[in-house]
Amino acid sequence: MTAKTRKVLQVLNGEILSPPPVWLMRQAGRYLPEYRKTRATAGSFLDLCYSPELAVEVTLQPIRRYGFDAAILFSDILVIPDALKRNVRFEEGHGPHMDPIDAAEIAKLDVRPVSDHLKPVIETVRRLRQELPDETTLLGFCGAPWTVATYMIAGHGTPDQAPARLFAYRYREAFDQLLATLADVSADYLVEQIDAGADAVQIFDSWAGVLGEDEFLRYAVKPVRRMIDSVRARRPNAKIICFAKGAGILLKDYRHGTSADAIGLDWSVPLSFAAELQKDGPVQGNLDPMRVVAGGRALDEGIDAILQVLGSGPLIFNLGHGITPQADPENVSRLVSRVRGARQ
């Protein structure tokens, strides 16, 4: 078994597989009782992210249970602002918080400690590649500059990321500087993950959908292109998936604009549009996570519709966003069995 026969990697190289490979965003998470047990021993959520032993364990849990075709590093997109000394903390029931950043602080950001701060995460990647089955693709990841910046500006998540949008209008130069800084340190981080054994990486732009057309180009496309160009300048064979949640019709030019190898699709992307996007290369997605909660006919119909429309092209089967804590693990088993039983 070699990297060339890892199915997700095959699709990222443009191959069409039937049935398609399958993995799920947030597949290591609170819906699994084994995750909850490990999480309870970890201390804080960031302690879990920075413990190679525990992060490896929770990454492997869904692989042991379901045999997914890819494992994705267990970590969080906010380890980057944490490494930039923004005092990141996760409050139970309230999500992530950090010290909001202003224009003066952006100019003073010190990127020198970032690599050392993230060494435990890189060690997790290294151990995962050693412990995963040979046939399993290992995915690294990071947050896109726009999405990470929204949390840094507001100090927490907001419904429409209005604080970051307003800041970008008022302090354009400072905001561009923040995005450039995040793009550069994130590219370095992805290179380190690749060198540690990641077969491919995914860039999550979870808040791309709140941007207008011009802002999408400026804040979602260009910084990610800067990242990918930086990674490929050093690792020309790097395979990169980009997931811009909520981008809708703006995905039409997203692959070309970012030079991503594959684009992830959220569940709101019509399958007819997804098929058009697939003509230009691999797509990943895009089952509504609520179908995994509902199970039964709703789950089966959602899976079958995606396979019918996208299964004859380069497809990585996934959800349209992360699996929710309410999902029944048995429904995930049903999902995997149904996808793997499909033949085009």
Foldseek 3Di string as FASTA:
>chain_A
DAPCLLQLVVLLVWDADVLHFEDAAPLLDQLDPVSVVLVVPQPFPQSCQLALVNQLVSQCVSCVVAVGSAGEGPHAQQLQVVQQVQQWGQDVPAGIFGNADDLVVLVVGDLVRNVVSCVSSLVSLLVNQVPDDNNHAYEYEHEQQLQNNLCNHVRGDDPLSVSLVVRCVVPVVSSLSSLLVVLVSVLVVVLSSVVSPHQAYEYEQPNLQSDDDVCSLSRVQVSLLSSVVSNCVPVVPHAYEYENENCEPSVVCRCVSNVHSEYEAEQVHDLVVVLVVLVVGEYEDAAALVCQLVADPSVLVRLVVNCVRPNRTSYHYYHNHHHDSNGNVVSVNVNSVSSNVGGD
